[in-house]
Amino acid sequence: MSAPLRRFPDGVPDGLLDRPVREVLRELGTTTWLRVPGTGEQPARAVATLLHGDESTGLEAVLQVLRRRPRFPFDLHVVLGNVEAALHGSGFAHRYLDGQEDGNRVWNGSSPSASSPQRRAADAVLAELVATPLAGLIDLHNTTGANPFHALVTRDDDASLELATRFSTTLLRWEFGAGTLLEAVADHAPAAAVECGLPGRQASTAFAIDGLRRFLGPRPGAFPAPEHDLLGAMRRVRIRPDVRFRFGGVPDGEVDLALVPDGDGANLREVPAGHVIGHVRVGAPQPLVVTAADGTDVTDRIVAVQPDGAVVTQEPATPVMVVRTVEAARKDCLCYLASRSTG
């Protein structure tokens, strides 16, 4: 069974870039890999986006850059991920659809669902990417809460840091082994995932375009990485599957957990021990589960339920990627908690 991937090895199809974004997606229909041929003076570079169907900024930025019909001294590989989810309903409303796997959790090929359309597409894309030397790969994302712009790396070597800081000097060290594209290419080329803030905002698109132009400019590694902040020791915070929850209000007969509605305001800002995440009814059990990168359950050390029902942190931490929708929290996680160091 062939992978559900459209391939365009000889460039962007004629007329495609002249269409509105939604029409571009309708024409493609599914996960797409294309190669924009360059002069071949330098190793190829790659950019991926739309691995989640509700993250439109990277797609908009890539299309704007390509509409200038650039001629690069390298081949540019472009990956467009979950086109189906992006097209569903009103558009750009779903991380992934019912029956699909998360498009950024399918890049390790080691799952009972290895024959799913998402995994077959990922395998086919990886085959294209590793078939040629890459100078670097950038994976563009949006966040579902109000996050400052930042980038993620799996390694803190000079090449990875220089690549990531072309977009932002606020960096996260990703160590979870979650089957992301970033992890899949780490042994092949320097790579960074870039979080471009909330979708649908001009500032997000402008940030992505500016970073793309720097990425597509001087050869990666041409300059040392600037001074930057590097956050690590990330712990994943999830809501237990049996817990009913919402953002705002108080626990009642409809929900077990009422999360603070503006929790994303703490993103990338260190908070002290006692920072309130939400509230449960007095006497209710812990509604969260917190795991370290190696899978160790660290819930009891990191969060606690106070006698008045407040769910709080137990040590200083920096929240990252705090979401603000029930769907995002269910399909991924509520947030990460990290520690800060200076590079």
C-alpha atoms as a PDB file:
ATOM      1  CA  MET A   1       0.000   0.000   0.000  1.00  0.00           C
ATOM      2  CA  SER A   2       1.607   3.244  -1.109  1.00  0.00           C
ATOM      3  CA  ALA A   3       2.072   6.150   1.264  1.00  0.00           C
ATOM      4  CA  PRO A   4      -0.495   8.988   0.979  1.00  0.00           C
ATOM      5  CA  LEU A   5       2.099  11.511  -0.145  1.00  0.00           C
ATOM      6  CA  ARG A   6       2.169  13.776  -3.172  1.00  0.00           C
ATOM      7  CA  ARG A   7       5.668  14.301  -4.574  1.00  0.00           C
ATOM      8  CA  PHE A   8       6.876  17.182  -6.718  1.00  0.00           C
ATOM      9  CA  PRO A   9      10.613  16.592  -7.258  1.00  0.00           C
ATOM     10  CA  ASP A  10      10.966  19.143 -10.070  1.00  0.00           C
ATOM     11  CA  GLY A  11       9.559  22.253  -8.426  1.00  0.00           C
ATOM     12  CA  VAL A  12       6.296  23.924  -7.512  1.00  0.00           C
ATOM     13  CA  PRO A  13       3.466  23.088  -9.951  1.00  0.00           C
ATOM     14  CA  ASP A  14       2.713  25.897 -12.392  1.00  0.00           C
ATOM     15  CA  GLY A  15       0.147  28.358 -11.099  1.00  0.00           C
ATOM     16  CA  LEU A  16      -0.030  26.884  -7.592  1.00  0.00           C
ATOM     17  CA  LEU A  17       1.605  29.840  -5.859  1.00  0.00           C
ATOM     18  CA  ASP A  18      -0.812  32.279  -7.460  1.00  0.00           C
ATOM     19  CA  ARG A  19      -3.780  30.788  -5.605  1.00  0.00           C
ATOM     20  CA  PRO A  20      -5.125  31.678  -2.129  1.00  0.00           C
ATOM     21  CA  VAL A  21      -3.913  29.480   0.722  1.00  0.00           C
ATOM     22  CA  ARG A  22      -7.060  27.341   0.984  1.00  0.00           C
ATOM     23  CA  GLU A  23      -7.054  26.722  -2.773  1.00  0.00           C
ATOM     24  CA  VAL A  24      -3.426  25.619  -2.595  1.00  0.00           C
ATOM     25  CA  LEU A  25      -4.388  23.047   0.018  1.00  0.00           C
ATOM     26  CA  ARG A  26      -7.423  21.856  -1.960  1.00  0.00           C
ATOM     27  CA  GLU A  27      -5.231  21.319  -5.003  1.00  0.00           C
ATOM     28  CA  LEU A  28      -2.684  19.287  -3.017  1.00  0.00           C
ATOM     29  CA  GLY A  29      -5.264  17.342  -1.007  1.00  0.00           C
ATOM     30  CA  THR A  30      -2.839  15.440   1.203  1.00  0.00           C
ATOM     31  CA  THR A  31       0.618  15.476   2.735  1.00  0.00           C
ATOM     32  CA  THR A  32       3.027  16.915   0.174  1.00  0.00           C
ATOM     33  CA  TRP A  33       6.780  16.919  -0.404  1.00  0.00           C
ATOM     34  CA  LEU A  34       8.256  19.147  -3.044  1.00  0.00           C
ATOM     35  CA  ARG A  35      11.749  20.173  -4.060  1.00  0.00           C
ATOM     36  CA  VAL A  36      12.491  23.698  -5.244  1.00  0.00           C
ATOM     37  CA  PRO A  37      15.591  23.201  -7.436  1.00  0.00           C
ATOM     38  CA  GLY A  38      18.490  25.570  -6.830  1.00  0.00           C
ATOM     39  CA  THR A  39      21.892  26.041  -8.443  1.00  0.00           C
ATOM     40  CA  GLY A  40      23.426  23.215  -6.401  1.00  0.00           C
ATOM     41  CA  GLU A  41      26.347  25.244  -5.050  1.00  0.00           C
ATOM     42  CA  GLN A  42      25.446  24.361  -1.455  1.00  0.00           C
ATOM     43  CA  PRO A  43      23.878  21.387   0.344  1.00  0.00           C
ATOM     44  CA  ALA A  44      20.100  21.264   0.377  1.00  0.00           C
ATOM     45  CA  ARG A  45      17.948  22.778   3.119  1.00  0.00           C
ATOM     46  CA  ALA A  46      14.474  21.764   4.257  1.00  0.00           C
ATOM     47  CA  VAL A  47      11.444  23.397   5.819  1.00  0.00           C
ATOM     48  CA  ALA A  48       8.389  21.580   7.176  1.00  0.00           C
ATOM     49  CA  THR A  49       5.089  23.053   8.285  1.00  0.00           C
ATOM     50  CA  LEU A  50       1.422  22.210   8.887  1.00  0.00           C
ATOM     51  CA  LEU A  51       2.278  18.970  10.712  1.00  0.00           C
ATOM     52  CA  HIS A  52      -0.727  20.029  12.783  1.00  0.00           C
ATOM     53  CA  GLY A  53      -3.778  21.123  10.846  1.00  0.00           C
ATOM     54  CA  ASP A  54      -4.555  24.112  13.079  1.00  0.00           C
ATOM     55  CA  GLU A  55      -1.120  25.720  12.628  1.00  0.00           C
ATOM     56  CA  SER A  56      -1.360  27.960   9.584  1.00  0.00           C
ATOM     57  CA  THR A  57       1.436  30.488  10.089  1.00  0.00           C
ATOM     58  CA  GLY A  58       4.278  28.393   8.709  1.00  0.00           C
ATOM     59  CA  LEU A  59       2.323  27.593   5.565  1.00  0.00           C
ATOM     60  CA  GLU A  60       1.500  31.260   4.993  1.00  0.00           C
ATOM     61  CA  ALA A  61       5.143  32.235   5.504  1.00  0.00           C
ATOM     62  CA  VAL A  62       6.503  29.551   3.188  1.00  0.00           C
ATOM     63  CA  LEU A  63       4.064  30.496   0.433  1.00  0.00           C
ATOM     64  CA  GLN A  64       4.934  34.185   0.746  1.00  0.00           C
ATOM     65  CA  VAL A  65       8.638  33.442   0.466  1.00  0.00           C
ATOM     66  CA  LEU A  66       8.184  31.117  -2.521  1.00  0.00           C
ATOM     67  CA  ARG A  67       5.910  33.590  -4.330  1.00  0.00           C
ATOM     68  CA  ARG A  68       8.978  35.748  -4.895  1.00  0.00           C
ATOM     69  CA  ARG A  69      10.262  32.922  -7.152  1.00  0.00           C
ATOM     70  CA  PRO A  70      13.675  32.835  -5.456  1.00  0.00           C
ATOM     71  CA  ARG A  71      16.634  31.031  -6.993  1.00  0.00           C
ATOM     72  CA  PHE A  72      18.670  29.609  -4.131  1.00  0.00           C
ATOM     73  CA  PRO A  73      22.237  28.245  -4.317  1.00  0.00           C
ATOM     74  CA  PHE A  74      20.774  25.024  -2.892  1.00  0.00           C
ATOM     75  CA  ASP A  75      17.764  22.792  -3.366  1.00  0.00           C
ATOM     76  CA  LEU A  76      14.959  23.560  -0.922  1.00  0.00           C
ATOM     77  CA  HIS A  77      12.811  20.676   0.293  1.00  0.00           C
ATOM     78  CA  VAL A  78       9.330  21.707   1.492  1.00  0.00           C
ATOM     79  CA  VAL A  79       7.058  19.419   3.533  1.00  0.00           C
ATOM     80  CA  LEU A  80       3.378  20.254   4.059  1.00  0.00           C
ATOM     81  CA  GLY A  81       1.888  17.937   6.679  1.00  0.00           C
ATOM     82  CA  ASN A  82      -1.727  17.436   7.665  1.00  0.00           C
ATOM     83  CA  VAL A  83      -3.471  19.039   4.709  1.00  0.00           C
ATOM     84  CA  GLU A  84      -6.683  17.086   5.390  1.00  0.00           C
ATOM     85  CA  ALA A  85      -7.066  18.467   8.912  1.00  0.00           C
ATOM     86  CA  ALA A  86      -6.263  21.983   7.715  1.00  0.00           C
ATOM     87  CA  LEU A  87      -9.062  21.782   5.146  1.00  0.00           C
ATOM     88  CA  HIS A  88     -11.689  20.265   7.428  1.00  0.00           C
ATOM     89  CA  GLY A  89     -14.728  22.385   8.279  1.00  0.00           C
ATOM     90  CA  SER A  90     -13.986  26.074   8.558  1.00  0.00           C
ATOM     91  CA  GLY A  91     -10.277  25.400   8.061  1.00  0.00           C
ATOM     92  CA  PHE A  92      -7.233  25.372  10.329  1.00  0.00           C
ATOM     93  CA  ALA A  93      -9.417  24.297  13.261  1.00  0.00           C
ATOM     94  CA  HIS A  94      -8.094  20.838  14.176  1.00  0.00           C
ATOM     95  CA  ARG A  95      -4.686  19.626  15.320  1.00  0.00           C
ATOM     96  CA  TYR A  96      -5.606  16.307  13.705  1.00  0.00           C
ATOM     97  CA  LEU A  97      -8.867  14.589  12.839  1.00  0.00           C
ATOM     98  CA  ASP A  98     -10.618  11.722  14.569  1.00  0.00           C
ATOM     99  CA  GLY A  99      -9.052   8.527  13.304  1.00  0.00           C
ATOM    100  CA  GLN A 100      -5.739  10.223  12.530  1.00  0.00           C
ATOM    101  CA  GLU A 101      -2.534  10.145  14.524  1.00  0.00           C
ATOM    102  CA  ASP A 102      -0.790  13.318  15.645  1.00  0.00           C
ATOM    103  CA  GLY A 103       1.283  14.396  12.636  1.00  0.00           C
ATOM    104  CA  ASN A 104       4.283  15.229  14.784  1.00  0.00           C
ATOM    105  CA  ARG A 105       4.303  11.966  16.724  1.00  0.00           C
ATOM    106  CA  VAL A 106       4.646   9.519  13.820  1.00  0.00           C
ATOM    107  CA  TRP A 107       8.269   9.923  12.769  1.00  0.00           C
ATOM    108  CA  ASN A 108       9.790   6.958  14.617  1.00  0.00           C
ATOM    109  CA  GLY A 109       8.087   4.186  12.635  1.00  0.00           C
ATOM    110  CA  SER A 110       7.887   1.959  15.716  1.00  0.00           C
ATOM    111  CA  SER A 111       4.221   1.679  16.609  1.00  0.00           C
ATOM    112  CA  PRO A 112       1.452  -0.897  16.244  1.00  0.00           C
ATOM    113  CA  SER A 113      -0.148   1.692  13.945  1.00  0.00           C
ATOM    114  CA  ALA A 114       2.911   1.835  11.695  1.00  0.00           C
ATOM    115  CA  SER A 115       0.647   1.257   8.686  1.00  0.00           C
ATOM    116  CA  SER A 116      -1.501   4.333   9.398  1.00  0.00           C
ATOM    117  CA  PRO A 117      -1.637   6.952   6.609  1.00  0.00           C
ATOM    118  CA  GLN A 118       0.243   9.432   8.788  1.00  0.00           C
ATOM    119  CA  ARG A 119       3.109   7.015   9.440  1.00  0.00           C
ATOM    120  CA  ARG A 120       3.341   5.906   5.837  1.00  0.00           C
ATOM    121  CA  ALA A 121       3.524   9.541   4.742  1.00  0.00           C
ATOM    122  CA  ALA A 122       6.180  10.263   7.390  1.00  0.00           C
ATOM    123  CA  ASP A 123       8.266   7.303   6.255  1.00  0.00           C
ATOM    124  CA  ALA A 124       8.079   8.463   2.650  1.00  0.00           C
ATOM    125  CA  VAL A 125       9.041  12.039   3.553  1.00  0.00           C
ATOM    126  CA  LEU A 126      12.002  10.855   5.607  1.00  0.00           C
ATOM    127  CA  ALA A 127      13.189   8.727   2.706  1.00  0.00           C
ATOM    128  CA  GLU A 128      13.278  11.868   0.557  1.00  0.00           C
ATOM    129  CA  LEU A 129      15.024  13.971   3.204  1.00  0.00           C
ATOM    130  CA  VAL A 130      17.798  11.517   4.028  1.00  0.00           C
ATOM    131  CA  ALA A 131      18.471  10.709   0.371  1.00  0.00           C
ATOM    132  CA  THR A 132      20.569  13.867   0.099  1.00  0.00           C
ATOM    133  CA  PRO A 133      22.857  15.763   2.505  1.00  0.00           C
ATOM    134  CA  LEU A 134      20.999  18.551   4.326  1.00  0.00           C
ATOM    135  CA  ALA A 135      22.606  21.679   5.732  1.00  0.00           C
ATOM    136  CA  GLY A 136      19.632  22.145   8.052  1.00  0.00           C
ATOM    137  CA  LEU A 137      15.916  21.605   8.615  1.00  0.00           C
ATOM    138  CA  ILE A 138      13.376  23.980  10.144  1.00  0.00           C
ATOM    139  CA  ASP A 139       9.937  22.792  11.329  1.00  0.00           C
ATOM    140  CA  LEU A 140       7.457  25.675  11.734  1.00  0.00           C
ATOM    141  CA  HIS A 141       4.642  25.441  14.296  1.00  0.00           C
ATOM    142  CA  ASN A 142       2.062  27.546  16.128  1.00  0.00           C
ATOM    143  CA  THR A 143       1.102  27.317  19.771  1.00  0.00           C
ATOM    144  CA  THR A 144      -2.468  27.097  21.093  1.00  0.00           C
ATOM    145  CA  GLY A 145      -1.793  29.556  23.899  1.00  0.00           C
ATOM    146  CA  ALA A 146      -0.124  32.954  23.966  1.00  0.00           C
ATOM    147  CA  ASN A 147       3.559  32.022  23.860  1.00  0.00           C
ATOM    148  CA  PRO A 148       6.531  34.263  23.142  1.00  0.00           C
ATOM    149  CA  PHE A 149       8.325  33.180  19.989  1.00  0.00           C
ATOM    150  CA  HIS A 150      10.872  30.433  20.657  1.00  0.00           C
ATOM    151  CA  ALA A 151      12.618  27.432  19.102  1.00  0.00           C
ATOM    152  CA  LEU A 152      13.341  23.860  20.142  1.00  0.00           C
ATOM    153  CA  VAL A 153      16.449  21.765  19.573  1.00  0.00           C
ATOM    154  CA  THR A 154      17.290  18.198  20.485  1.00  0.00           C
ATOM    155  CA  ARG A 155      20.989  18.970  20.812  1.00  0.00           C
ATOM    156  CA  ASP A 156      22.945  21.938  22.121  1.00  0.00           C
ATOM    157  CA  ASP A 157      25.847  21.633  19.668  1.00  0.00           C
ATOM    158  CA  ASP A 158      27.025  24.719  17.788  1.00  0.00           C
ATOM    159  CA  ALA A 159      25.269  23.824  14.526  1.00  0.00           C
ATOM    160  CA  SER A 160      21.868  23.289  16.133  1.00  0.00           C
ATOM    161  CA  LEU A 161      22.080  26.427  18.255  1.00  0.00           C
ATOM    162  CA  GLU A 162      23.207  28.601  15.339  1.00  0.00           C
ATOM    163  CA  LEU A 163      20.319  27.313  13.237  1.00  0.00           C
ATOM    164  CA  ALA A 164      17.691  27.853  15.948  1.00  0.00           C
ATOM    165  CA  THR A 165      18.895  31.347  16.851  1.00  0.00           C
ATOM    166  CA  ARG A 166      18.259  32.506  13.312  1.00  0.00           C
ATOM    167  CA  PHE A 167      14.664  32.604  14.533  1.00  0.00           C
ATOM    168  CA  SER A 168      14.826  33.235  18.292  1.00  0.00           C
ATOM    169  CA  THR A 169      17.322  33.471  21.149  1.00  0.00           C
ATOM    170  CA  THR A 170      14.834  31.773  23.482  1.00  0.00           C
ATOM    171  CA  LEU A 171      15.429  28.037  23.093  1.00  0.00           C
ATOM    172  CA  LEU A 172      14.138  24.801  24.603  1.00  0.00           C
ATOM    173  CA  ARG A 173      16.041  21.534  24.782  1.00  0.00           C
ATOM    174  CA  TRP A 174      13.606  18.774  23.681  1.00  0.00           C
ATOM    175  CA  GLU A 175      14.428  15.386  25.213  1.00  0.00           C
ATOM    176  CA  PHE A 176      11.151  13.459  25.203  1.00  0.00           C
ATOM    177  CA  GLY A 177      11.573  10.912  22.417  1.00  0.00           C
ATOM    178  CA  ALA A 178       8.018  11.500  21.212  1.00  0.00           C
ATOM    179  CA  GLY A 179       8.387  10.572  17.552  1.00  0.00           C
ATOM    180  CA  THR A 180       8.750  14.136  16.278  1.00  0.00           C
ATOM    181  CA  LEU A 181      10.257  15.163  12.953  1.00  0.00           C
ATOM    182  CA  LEU A 182      12.889  17.083  14.906  1.00  0.00           C
ATOM    183  CA  GLU A 183      14.080  13.873  16.543  1.00  0.00           C
ATOM    184  CA  ALA A 184      13.905  11.866  13.329  1.00  0.00           C
ATOM    185  CA  VAL A 185      16.385  14.074  11.459  1.00  0.00           C
ATOM    186  CA  ALA A 186      18.726  14.797  14.383  1.00  0.00           C
ATOM    187  CA  ASP A 187      21.334  12.260  13.222  1.00  0.00           C
ATOM    188  CA  HIS A 188      21.141  13.486   9.643  1.00  0.00           C
ATOM    189  CA  ALA A 189      21.267  17.283   9.879  1.00  0.00           C
ATOM    190  CA  PRO A 190      21.059  20.222  12.293  1.00  0.00           C
ATOM    191  CA  ALA A 191      17.388  20.873  12.983  1.00  0.00           C
ATOM    192  CA  ALA A 192      15.106  23.149  14.977  1.00  0.00           C
ATOM    193  CA  ALA A 193      11.371  23.395  15.553  1.00  0.00           C
ATOM    194  CA  VAL A 194      10.134  26.976  15.695  1.00  0.00           C
ATOM    195  CA  GLU A 195       7.052  28.051  17.643  1.00  0.00           C
ATOM    196  CA  CYS A 196       5.581  31.086  15.876  1.00  0.00           C
ATOM    197  CA  GLY A 197       3.005  32.091  18.497  1.00  0.00           C
ATOM    198  CA  LEU A 198      -0.721  32.065  17.852  1.00  0.00           C
ATOM    199  CA  PRO A 199      -1.983  31.445  14.297  1.00  0.00           C
ATOM    200  CA  GLY A 200      -3.922  34.052  12.371  1.00  0.00           C
ATOM    201  CA  ARG A 201      -1.855  36.967  13.633  1.00  0.00           C
ATOM    202  CA  GLN A 202       0.212  39.279  11.455  1.00  0.00           C
ATOM    203  CA  ALA A 203       3.016  39.344  14.027  1.00  0.00           C
ATOM    204  CA  SER A 204       3.283  35.555  13.902  1.00  0.00           C
ATOM    205  CA  THR A 205       3.521  35.492  10.123  1.00  0.00           C
ATOM    206  CA  ALA A 206       6.037  38.350  10.061  1.00  0.00           C
ATOM    207  CA  PHE A 207       8.210  36.514  12.599  1.00  0.00           C
ATOM    208  CA  ALA A 208       8.119  33.324  10.531  1.00  0.00           C
ATOM    209  CA  ILE A 209       8.948  35.141   7.284  1.00  0.00           C
ATOM    210  CA  ASP A 210      11.868  37.022   8.840  1.00  0.00           C
ATOM    211  CA  GLY A 211      13.280  33.812  10.288  1.00  0.00           C
ATOM    212  CA  LEU A 212      12.834  31.926   7.019  1.00  0.00           C
ATOM    213  CA  ARG A 213      14.747  34.612   5.148  1.00  0.00           C
ATOM    214  CA  ARG A 214      17.634  34.284   7.593  1.00  0.00           C
ATOM    215  CA  PHE A 215      17.485  30.485   7.335  1.00  0.00           C
ATOM    216  CA  LEU A 216      17.546  30.708   3.543  1.00  0.00           C
ATOM    217  CA  GLY A 217      20.366  33.255   3.575  1.00  0.00           C
ATOM    218  CA  PRO A 218      23.977  32.565   4.583  1.00  0.00           C
ATOM    219  CA  ARG A 219      24.913  28.921   4.830  1.00  0.00           C
ATOM    220  CA  PRO A 220      24.041  27.362   8.232  1.00  0.00           C
ATOM    221  CA  GLY A 221      27.068  27.441  10.489  1.00  0.00           C
ATOM    222  CA  ALA A 222      28.424  30.592   8.881  1.00  0.00           C
ATOM    223  CA  PHE A 223      28.181  32.517  12.160  1.00  0.00           C
ATOM    224  CA  PRO A 224      28.408  31.580  15.843  1.00  0.00           C
ATOM    225  CA  ALA A 225      25.139  31.448  17.758  1.00  0.00           C
ATOM    226  CA  PRO A 226      24.377  34.703  19.602  1.00  0.00           C
ATOM    227  CA  GLU A 227      23.836  34.879  23.337  1.00  0.00           C
ATOM    228  CA  HIS A 228      20.676  32.956  24.151  1.00  0.00           C
ATOM    229  CA  ASP A 229      18.531  31.432  26.877  1.00  0.00           C
ATOM    230  CA  LEU A 230      18.323  27.637  26.870  1.00  0.00           C
ATOM    231  CA  LEU A 231      15.608  25.958  28.906  1.00  0.00           C
ATOM    232  CA  GLY A 232      15.858  22.275  29.746  1.00  0.00           C
ATOM    233  CA  ALA A 233      14.735  19.602  32.208  1.00  0.00           C
ATOM    234  CA  MET A 234      11.270  19.797  30.677  1.00  0.00           C
ATOM    235  CA  ARG A 235       8.451  17.882  32.366  1.00  0.00           C
ATOM    236  CA  ARG A 236       5.180  17.160  30.614  1.00  0.00           C
ATOM    237  CA  VAL A 237       1.936  18.047  32.430  1.00  0.00           C
ATOM    238  CA  ARG A 238      -1.166  16.159  31.341  1.00  0.00           C
ATOM    239  CA  ILE A 239      -4.707  15.967  32.666  1.00  0.00           C
ATOM    240  CA  ARG A 240      -5.714  12.469  33.722  1.00  0.00           C
ATOM    241  CA  PRO A 241      -8.022  10.879  31.125  1.00  0.00           C
ATOM    242  CA  ASP A 242     -10.907  10.399  33.576  1.00  0.00           C
ATOM    243  CA  VAL A 243     -10.897  14.031  34.736  1.00  0.00           C
ATOM    244  CA  ARG A 244     -13.550  16.357  33.313  1.00  0.00           C
ATOM    245  CA  PHE A 245     -12.248  19.895  32.981  1.00  0.00           C
ATOM    246  CA  ARG A 246     -12.707  23.321  31.470  1.00  0.00           C
ATOM    247  CA  PHE A 247     -10.913  26.649  31.437  1.00  0.00           C
ATOM    248  CA  GLY A 248     -12.386  29.182  33.863  1.00  0.00           C
ATOM    249  CA  GLY A 249     -15.182  28.976  36.399  1.00  0.00           C
ATOM    250  CA  VAL A 250     -15.166  26.669  39.404  1.00  0.00           C
ATOM    251  CA  PRO A 251     -15.462  22.891  39.868  1.00  0.00           C
ATOM    252  CA  ASP A 252     -19.121  21.861  39.841  1.00  0.00           C
ATOM    253  CA  GLY A 253     -21.349  18.999  38.761  1.00  0.00           C
ATOM    254  CA  GLU A 254     -20.107  19.287  35.172  1.00  0.00           C
ATOM    255  CA  VAL A 255     -16.320  19.356  35.682  1.00  0.00           C
ATOM    256  CA  ASP A 256     -13.809  18.018  38.193  1.00  0.00           C
ATOM    257  CA  LEU A 257     -11.106  20.563  37.380  1.00  0.00           C
ATOM    258  CA  ALA A 258     -11.418  24.267  36.599  1.00  0.00           C
ATOM    259  CA  LEU A 259      -8.178  25.540  35.075  1.00  0.00           C
ATOM    260  CA  VAL A 260      -7.198  29.170  35.377  1.00  0.00           C
ATOM    261  CA  PRO A 261      -8.416  30.778  32.127  1.00  0.00           C
ATOM    262  CA  ASP A 262      -5.298  32.869  31.538  1.00  0.00           C
ATOM    263  CA  GLY A 263      -2.658  30.280  32.375  1.00  0.00           C
ATOM    264  CA  ASP A 264      -0.872  30.914  29.088  1.00  0.00           C
ATOM    265  CA  GLY A 265       0.078  34.331  30.443  1.00  0.00           C
ATOM    266  CA  ALA A 266       2.817  32.567  32.405  1.00  0.00           C
ATOM    267  CA  ASN A 267       4.422  31.034  29.321  1.00  0.00           C
ATOM    268  CA  LEU A 268       8.227  31.373  29.358  1.00  0.00           C
ATOM    269  CA  ARG A 269       8.074  33.333  32.621  1.00  0.00           C
ATOM    270  CA  GLU A 270       9.507  31.728  35.754  1.00  0.00           C
ATOM    271  CA  VAL A 271       6.840  31.261  38.419  1.00  0.00           C
ATOM    272  CA  PRO A 272       7.436  30.488  42.103  1.00  0.00           C
ATOM    273  CA  ALA A 273       6.349  27.456  44.079  1.00  0.00           C
ATOM    274  CA  GLY A 274       2.642  27.825  44.817  1.00  0.00           C
ATOM    275  CA  HIS A 275       1.747  28.988  41.298  1.00  0.00           C
ATOM    276  CA  VAL A 276      -1.945  28.117  40.800  1.00  0.00           C
ATOM    277  CA  ILE A 277      -2.811  25.908  37.826  1.00  0.00           C
ATOM    278  CA  GLY A 278      -6.479  25.355  38.647  1.00  0.00           C
ATOM    279  CA  HIS A 279      -8.945  24.181  41.289  1.00  0.00           C
ATOM    280  CA  VAL A 280     -10.697  20.940  42.195  1.00  0.00           C
ATOM    281  CA  ARG A 281     -13.408  20.315  44.746  1.00  0.00           C
ATOM    282  CA  VAL A 282     -12.136  20.117  48.325  1.00  0.00           C
ATOM    283  CA  GLY A 283     -10.913  16.604  49.005  1.00  0.00           C
ATOM    284  CA  ALA A 284     -10.662  15.605  45.334  1.00  0.00           C
ATOM    285  CA  PRO A 285      -7.578  13.668  44.177  1.00  0.00           C
ATOM    286  CA  GLN A 286      -4.724  15.020  42.076  1.00  0.00           C
ATOM    287  CA  PRO A 287      -6.097  15.658  38.542  1.00  0.00           C
ATOM    288  CA  LEU A 288      -2.712  15.949  36.820  1.00  0.00           C
ATOM    289  CA  VAL A 289       0.094  13.603  35.898  1.00  0.00           C
ATOM    290  CA  VAL A 290       3.606  14.948  35.366  1.00  0.00           C
ATOM    291  CA  THR A 291       6.342  12.971  33.643  1.00  0.00           C
ATOM    292  CA  ALA A 292      10.019  13.638  33.086  1.00  0.00           C
ATOM    293  CA  ALA A 293      11.667  13.165  29.697  1.00  0.00           C
ATOM    294  CA  ASP A 294      12.590   9.570  30.544  1.00  0.00           C
ATOM    295  CA  GLY A 295       8.976   8.732  31.369  1.00  0.00           C
ATOM    296  CA  THR A 296       9.394   8.821  35.146  1.00  0.00           C
ATOM    297  CA  ASP A 297       6.271   9.916  36.998  1.00  0.00           C
ATOM    298  CA  VAL A 298       7.269  13.012  39.028  1.00  0.00           C
ATOM    299  CA  THR A 299       3.753  14.226  39.822  1.00  0.00           C
ATOM    300  CA  ASP A 300       4.089  14.191  43.608  1.00  0.00           C
ATOM    301  CA  ARG A 301       7.287  16.239  43.478  1.00  0.00           C
ATOM    302  CA  ILE A 302       6.083  18.837  40.996  1.00  0.00           C
ATOM    303  CA  VAL A 303       2.403  19.567  41.748  1.00  0.00           C
ATOM    304  CA  ALA A 304       0.103  19.284  44.749  1.00  0.00           C
ATOM    305  CA  VAL A 305      -3.546  19.789  45.693  1.00  0.00           C
ATOM    306  CA  GLN A 306      -3.893  22.172  48.619  1.00  0.00           C
ATOM    307  CA  PRO A 307      -6.574  21.784  51.316  1.00  0.00           C
ATOM    308  CA  ASP A 308      -8.707  24.464  49.657  1.00  0.00           C
ATOM    309  CA  GLY A 309      -8.645  22.581  46.333  1.00  0.00           C
ATOM    310  CA  ALA A 310      -6.031  24.731  44.596  1.00  0.00           C
ATOM    311  CA  VAL A 311      -3.712  22.758  42.288  1.00  0.00           C
ATOM    312  CA  VAL A 312      -0.277  24.358  42.571  1.00  0.00           C
ATOM    313  CA  THR A 313       3.359  23.892  41.598  1.00  0.00           C
ATOM    314  CA  GLN A 314       5.710  22.759  44.367  1.00  0.00           C
ATOM    315  CA  GLU A 315       8.922  24.331  43.076  1.00  0.00           C
ATOM    316  CA  PRO A 316       9.933  27.269  40.877  1.00  0.00           C
ATOM    317  CA  ALA A 317       9.531  26.486  37.182  1.00  0.00           C
ATOM    318  CA  THR A 318       9.068  28.068  33.768  1.00  0.00           C
ATOM    319  CA  PRO A 319       5.769  27.064  32.099  1.00  0.00           C
ATOM    320  CA  VAL A 320       6.060  26.443  28.377  1.00  0.00           C
ATOM    321  CA  MET A 321       3.369  25.941  25.729  1.00  0.00           C
ATOM    322  CA  VAL A 322       0.446  26.264  28.152  1.00  0.00           C
ATOM    323  CA  VAL A 323      -2.674  25.664  26.060  1.00  0.00           C
ATOM    324  CA  ARG A 324      -6.099  27.210  26.483  1.00  0.00           C
ATOM    325  CA  THR A 325      -8.501  24.839  24.748  1.00  0.00           C
ATOM    326  CA  VAL A 326      -9.895  21.508  25.889  1.00  0.00           C
ATOM    327  CA  GLU A 327      -9.100  19.872  22.529  1.00  0.00           C
ATOM    328  CA  ALA A 328      -5.442  20.901  22.676  1.00  0.00           C
ATOM    329  CA  ALA A 329      -5.077  19.696  26.256  1.00  0.00           C
ATOM    330  CA  ARG A 330      -6.680  16.337  25.442  1.00  0.00           C
ATOM    331  CA  LYS A 331      -4.812  15.707  22.204  1.00  0.00           C
ATOM    332  CA  ASP A 332      -1.402  16.734  23.496  1.00  0.00           C
ATOM    333  CA  CYS A 333      -0.895  18.074  27.019  1.00  0.00           C
ATOM    334  CA  LEU A 334      -1.713  21.020  29.255  1.00  0.00           C
ATOM    335  CA  CYS A 335       1.840  22.391  29.282  1.00  0.00           C
ATOM    336  CA  TYR A 336       5.484  21.702  30.016  1.00  0.00           C
ATOM    337  CA  LEU A 337       7.460  22.923  33.014  1.00  0.00           C
ATOM    338  CA  ALA A 338      11.115  23.727  32.361  1.00  0.00           C
ATOM    339  CA  SER A 339      14.222  25.099  34.060  1.00  0.00           C
ATOM    340  CA  ARG A 340      16.222  28.006  32.699  1.00  0.00           C
ATOM    341  CA  SER A 341      19.937  28.317  32.008  1.00  0.00           C
ATOM    342  CA  THR A 342      21.869  30.918  30.031  1.00  0.00           C
ATOM    343  CA  GLY A 343      23.970  30.054  26.996  1.00  0.00           C
END
